[in-house]
Amino acid sequence: MSLDDLGPEELGPDAPSGVEALFDAPPLPEQERMVEAILFASAEPLSLAQIGERLPHGSDPAEALALLRKRYEGRGVGVAKIGTGWALRTAPDLGFLMRREAKEVRKLSRAAIETLAIIAYHQPATRAEIEEIRGVSLSRGTIDILLELEWIKLGRRRETPGRPVTFVTTQMFLDHFGLASARDLPGIKELRAAGLLDATPPGAEAEEELPPGEDGEIDDMFPEEEAVA
């Protein structure tokens, strides 16, 4: 029996290079179409490795993705980088068209918004560090609602006495706020320029911790965001 009579299953991964030519990858334009279909059908951002796992053997997911991004430039939908993954998303300048479609279930309490902001800017952060920055004790319900929304997750334990658990933001947090990474969060100068920070010293106005959902006001850090369970 010759090599020509053998199929890919019989040849196995150690097949000689001359045989690999029998199973060439699809043309690059076809790979681009495949990547488009994969991203369209995915409910969450996919990494380049995850995209490559779904493509035929020998495909070039990076090149196919680059072509797809170029083809979507200037369109109503684009290929966006979310954390370490990629996803099809509405163009940022057209986001206002979608706002009327948003269904408001409940709003985050002021305590939850402050806690989320502290974790985002100081991650990884422990409960004690969050309480120290806010100046008030942190209720378990505040953390629970952020965990349920999947905007934060448990990080590594600190190598300190008691080994306290830390909290970090998630890829879903980045996706919700349209950030490629935590480094894209606005800095202090940008927040002050936008009027989102005042000169009130921390702890000058100690507030009572409220259960999640009972405070109808949204903190200035994320003035128009809505939490959907």
Protein backbone atom coordinates (compact mmCIF):
# COMPACT_ATOMS: atom_id res chain seq x y z
CA MET A 1 0.00 0.00 0.00
CA SER A 2 1.39 3.44 -0.97
CA LEU A 3 1.07 6.75 0.85
CA ASP A 4 -1.50 7.82 -1.71
CA ASP A 5 -3.77 5.04 -0.49
CA LEU A 6 -3.67 6.23 3.12
CA GLY A 7 -6.02 8.79 4.65
CA PRO A 8 -5.20 11.39 7.34
CA GLU A 9 -6.26 9.09 10.16
CA GLU A 10 -3.85 6.38 9.09
CA LEU A 11 -1.03 8.85 8.44
CA GLY A 12 -1.20 10.43 11.90
CA PRO A 13 0.62 13.57 13.12
CA ASP A 14 4.05 12.30 12.08
CA ALA A 15 3.24 12.13 8.39
CA PRO A 16 6.09 13.28 6.10
CA SER A 17 5.96 16.85 4.79
CA GLY A 18 5.26 15.66 1.26
CA VAL A 19 1.97 14.17 2.39
CA GLU A 20 0.84 17.34 4.22
CA ALA A 21 0.38 19.01 0.84
CA LEU A 22 -2.57 16.67 0.26
CA PHE A 23 -4.45 18.51 3.00
CA ASP A 24 -3.83 22.18 2.32
CA ALA A 25 -5.66 24.79 4.39
CA PRO A 26 -8.54 26.66 2.73
CA PRO A 27 -7.69 29.86 0.83
CA LEU A 28 -7.21 32.90 3.04
CA PRO A 29 -10.50 34.54 1.94
CA GLU A 30 -12.32 31.39 3.00
CA GLN A 31 -10.51 31.40 6.33
CA GLU A 32 -11.64 35.00 6.78
CA ARG A 33 -15.26 33.94 6.23
CA MET A 34 -14.83 31.15 8.77
CA VAL A 35 -13.45 33.55 11.38
CA GLU A 36 -16.37 35.88 10.75
CA ALA A 37 -18.85 33.04 11.28
CA ILE A 38 -17.06 31.90 14.45
CA LEU A 39 -17.11 35.37 16.02
CA PHE A 40 -20.71 36.00 14.98
CA ALA A 41 -21.91 32.78 16.62
CA SER A 42 -19.91 33.17 19.82
CA ALA A 43 -21.64 34.56 22.91
CA GLU A 44 -18.34 35.78 24.35
CA PRO A 45 -14.99 37.08 23.06
CA LEU A 46 -12.62 34.42 21.74
CA SER A 47 -8.84 34.41 21.90
CA LEU A 48 -6.73 33.83 18.81
CA ALA A 49 -5.95 30.33 20.07
CA GLN A 50 -9.65 29.52 20.47
CA ILE A 51 -10.36 30.76 16.95
CA GLY A 52 -7.49 28.68 15.60
CA GLU A 53 -8.87 25.55 17.26
CA ARG A 54 -12.05 25.90 15.22
CA LEU A 55 -10.32 26.45 11.87
CA PRO A 56 -9.11 23.67 9.56
CA HIS A 57 -5.57 22.37 10.06
CA GLY A 58 -2.93 24.66 8.58
CA SER A 59 -5.05 27.82 8.72
CA ASP A 60 -3.61 31.17 9.76
CA PRO A 61 -6.09 32.66 12.27
CA ALA A 62 -4.01 35.82 12.83
CA GLU A 63 -3.89 36.70 9.13
CA ALA A 64 -7.54 35.82 8.61
CA LEU A 65 -8.52 37.99 11.59
CA ALA A 66 -6.42 40.89 10.28
CA LEU A 67 -8.22 40.71 6.92
CA LEU A 68 -11.59 40.58 8.66
CA ARG A 69 -10.78 43.62 10.80
CA LYS A 70 -9.73 45.56 7.71
CA ARG A 71 -12.90 44.61 5.85
CA TYR A 72 -15.06 45.82 8.75
CA GLU A 73 -13.34 49.20 9.03
CA GLY A 74 -15.88 52.01 8.82
CA ARG A 75 -18.85 49.63 9.03
CA GLY A 76 -21.65 49.63 11.60
CA VAL A 77 -20.17 46.50 13.14
CA GLY A 78 -16.47 45.95 13.77
CA VAL A 79 -14.03 43.42 15.17
CA ALA A 80 -13.14 44.62 18.66
CA LYS A 81 -10.39 43.46 21.01
CA ILE A 82 -11.85 42.67 24.42
CA GLY A 83 -9.15 41.79 26.94
CA THR A 84 -7.28 38.92 25.31
CA GLY A 85 -10.17 38.01 23.03
CA TRP A 86 -11.92 39.22 19.89
CA ALA A 87 -15.60 39.80 19.20
CA LEU A 88 -17.99 41.44 16.76
CA ARG A 89 -19.33 44.63 18.31
CA THR A 90 -21.39 47.64 17.29
CA ALA A 91 -19.26 50.60 16.21
CA PRO A 92 -18.67 52.86 19.25
CA ASP A 93 -20.12 55.93 17.54
CA LEU A 94 -23.39 54.07 16.91
CA GLY A 95 -23.86 52.86 20.47
CA PHE A 96 -26.57 55.46 21.08
CA LEU A 97 -28.84 53.56 18.67
CA MET A 98 -28.83 50.57 21.01
CA ARG A 99 -29.59 52.37 24.24
CA ARG A 100 -33.33 52.28 23.79
CA GLU A 101 -33.08 48.51 23.51
CA ALA A 102 -31.46 48.17 26.95
CA LYS A 103 -33.70 46.69 29.62
CA GLU A 104 -33.11 48.09 33.06
CA VAL A 105 -33.56 45.50 35.76
CA ARG A 106 -31.86 47.21 38.67
CA LYS A 107 -29.25 49.84 39.33
CA LEU A 108 -26.08 49.39 41.30
CA SER A 109 -25.95 51.00 44.70
CA ARG A 110 -23.46 53.75 45.36
CA ALA A 111 -21.50 51.33 47.54
CA ALA A 112 -21.31 48.79 44.70
CA ILE A 113 -20.15 51.41 42.20
CA GLU A 114 -17.43 52.66 44.56
CA THR A 115 -16.31 49.10 45.28
CA LEU A 116 -16.16 48.30 41.56
CA ALA A 117 -14.14 51.44 40.86
CA ILE A 118 -11.67 50.65 43.65
CA ILE A 119 -11.17 47.10 42.39
CA ALA A 120 -10.74 48.33 38.81
CA TYR A 121 -8.08 50.90 39.73
CA HIS A 122 -6.31 49.01 42.53
CA GLN A 123 -6.60 45.38 41.45
CA PRO A 124 -5.85 42.98 42.87
CA ALA A 125 -7.54 44.39 45.99
CA THR A 126 -8.55 42.70 49.23
CA ARG A 127 -11.68 43.41 51.26
CA ALA A 128 -9.57 45.21 53.88
CA GLU A 129 -7.99 47.45 51.23
CA ILE A 130 -11.41 48.31 49.79
CA GLU A 131 -12.73 49.20 53.24
CA GLU A 132 -9.65 51.31 53.98
CA ILE A 133 -10.10 53.34 50.79
CA ARG A 134 -13.86 53.79 51.23
CA GLY A 135 -13.62 54.49 54.94
CA VAL A 136 -16.60 52.27 55.78
CA SER A 137 -17.13 48.56 56.23
CA LEU A 138 -17.99 46.51 53.16
CA SER A 139 -21.12 44.39 53.25
CA ARG A 140 -21.03 40.92 51.72
CA GLY A 141 -24.01 41.77 49.54
CA THR A 142 -22.03 44.44 47.70
CA ILE A 143 -19.37 41.95 46.66
CA ASP A 144 -21.97 39.29 45.88
CA ILE A 145 -23.83 41.43 43.35
CA LEU A 146 -20.61 42.28 41.51
CA LEU A 147 -19.71 38.59 41.43
CA GLU A 148 -23.19 37.72 40.12
CA LEU A 149 -22.80 40.27 37.34
CA GLU A 150 -19.44 38.65 36.57
CA TRP A 151 -17.76 42.05 36.59
CA ILE A 152 -15.30 40.89 39.25
CA LYS A 153 -13.84 37.53 40.22
CA LEU A 154 -11.64 36.06 42.91
CA GLY A 155 -7.93 36.59 42.37
CA ARG A 156 -4.92 35.03 44.02
CA ARG A 157 -4.59 35.00 47.78
CA ARG A 158 -2.09 37.44 49.25
CA GLU A 159 1.03 35.92 50.77
CA THR A 160 0.36 37.74 54.05
CA PRO A 161 -0.95 36.57 57.42
CA GLY A 162 -4.42 35.11 56.95
CA ARG A 163 -3.82 34.86 53.19
CA PRO A 164 -6.76 37.15 52.30
CA VAL A 165 -8.45 36.64 48.95
CA THR A 166 -8.17 39.40 46.34
CA PHE A 167 -10.65 40.66 43.77
CA VAL A 168 -9.95 41.58 40.13
CA THR A 169 -12.11 42.71 37.22
CA THR A 170 -13.16 40.29 34.50
CA GLN A 171 -13.26 40.26 30.72
CA MET A 172 -17.02 40.81 30.96
CA PHE A 173 -16.31 44.07 32.82
CA LEU A 174 -14.03 45.19 30.00
CA ASP A 175 -16.62 44.17 27.43
CA HIS A 176 -19.44 46.06 29.18
CA PHE A 177 -17.47 49.30 29.42
CA GLY A 178 -15.86 48.97 25.98
CA LEU A 179 -12.28 48.63 27.22
CA ALA A 180 -9.51 46.62 25.61
CA SER A 181 -7.70 46.30 28.94
CA ALA A 182 -7.66 47.80 32.44
CA ARG A 183 -4.91 50.15 31.23
CA ASP A 184 -7.56 51.95 29.17
CA LEU A 185 -9.40 53.17 32.29
CA PRO A 186 -9.42 56.98 32.45
CA GLY A 187 -6.72 58.54 34.63
CA ILE A 188 -7.16 61.06 37.42
CA LYS A 189 -6.60 64.02 35.09
CA GLU A 190 -9.23 62.77 32.66
CA LEU A 191 -11.73 62.15 35.47
CA ARG A 192 -11.17 65.60 36.95
CA ALA A 193 -11.43 67.23 33.53
CA ALA A 194 -14.77 65.48 33.02
CA GLY A 195 -15.98 66.68 36.41
CA LEU A 196 -16.18 63.17 37.82
CA LEU A 197 -13.83 63.86 40.75
CA ASP A 198 -14.15 66.58 43.37
CA ALA A 199 -11.76 67.90 45.97
CA THR A 200 -13.63 66.41 48.93
CA PRO A 201 -11.11 64.58 51.15
CA PRO A 202 -11.78 60.84 51.52
CA GLY A 203 -13.84 60.12 54.62
CA ALA A 204 -15.03 63.70 54.98
CA GLU A 205 -18.56 62.55 54.42
CA ALA A 206 -18.84 59.05 55.83
CA GLU A 207 -21.87 57.33 54.41
CA GLU A 208 -23.81 54.36 55.61
CA GLU A 209 -23.37 51.12 53.68
CA LEU A 210 -26.58 50.34 51.79
CA PRO A 211 -27.71 46.92 50.57
CA PRO A 212 -27.31 46.45 46.80
CA GLY A 213 -30.17 47.93 44.81
CA GLU A 214 -31.58 50.18 47.54
CA ASP A 215 -29.67 53.28 46.57
CA GLY A 216 -31.32 54.73 43.50
CA GLU A 217 -28.41 57.05 42.64
CA ILE A 218 -25.51 56.07 40.47
CA ASP A 219 -22.05 57.18 41.48
CA ASP A 220 -20.31 59.71 39.27
CA MET A 221 -17.65 57.19 38.24
CA PHE A 222 -20.04 55.38 35.89
CA PRO A 223 -22.99 57.79 35.60
CA GLU A 224 -25.08 56.06 32.94
CA GLU A 225 -24.28 52.38 33.33
CA GLU A 226 -27.00 49.92 34.25
CA ALA A 227 -26.52 46.54 35.86
CA VAL A 228 -28.50 43.67 34.43
CA ALA A 229 -28.67 40.50 36.45
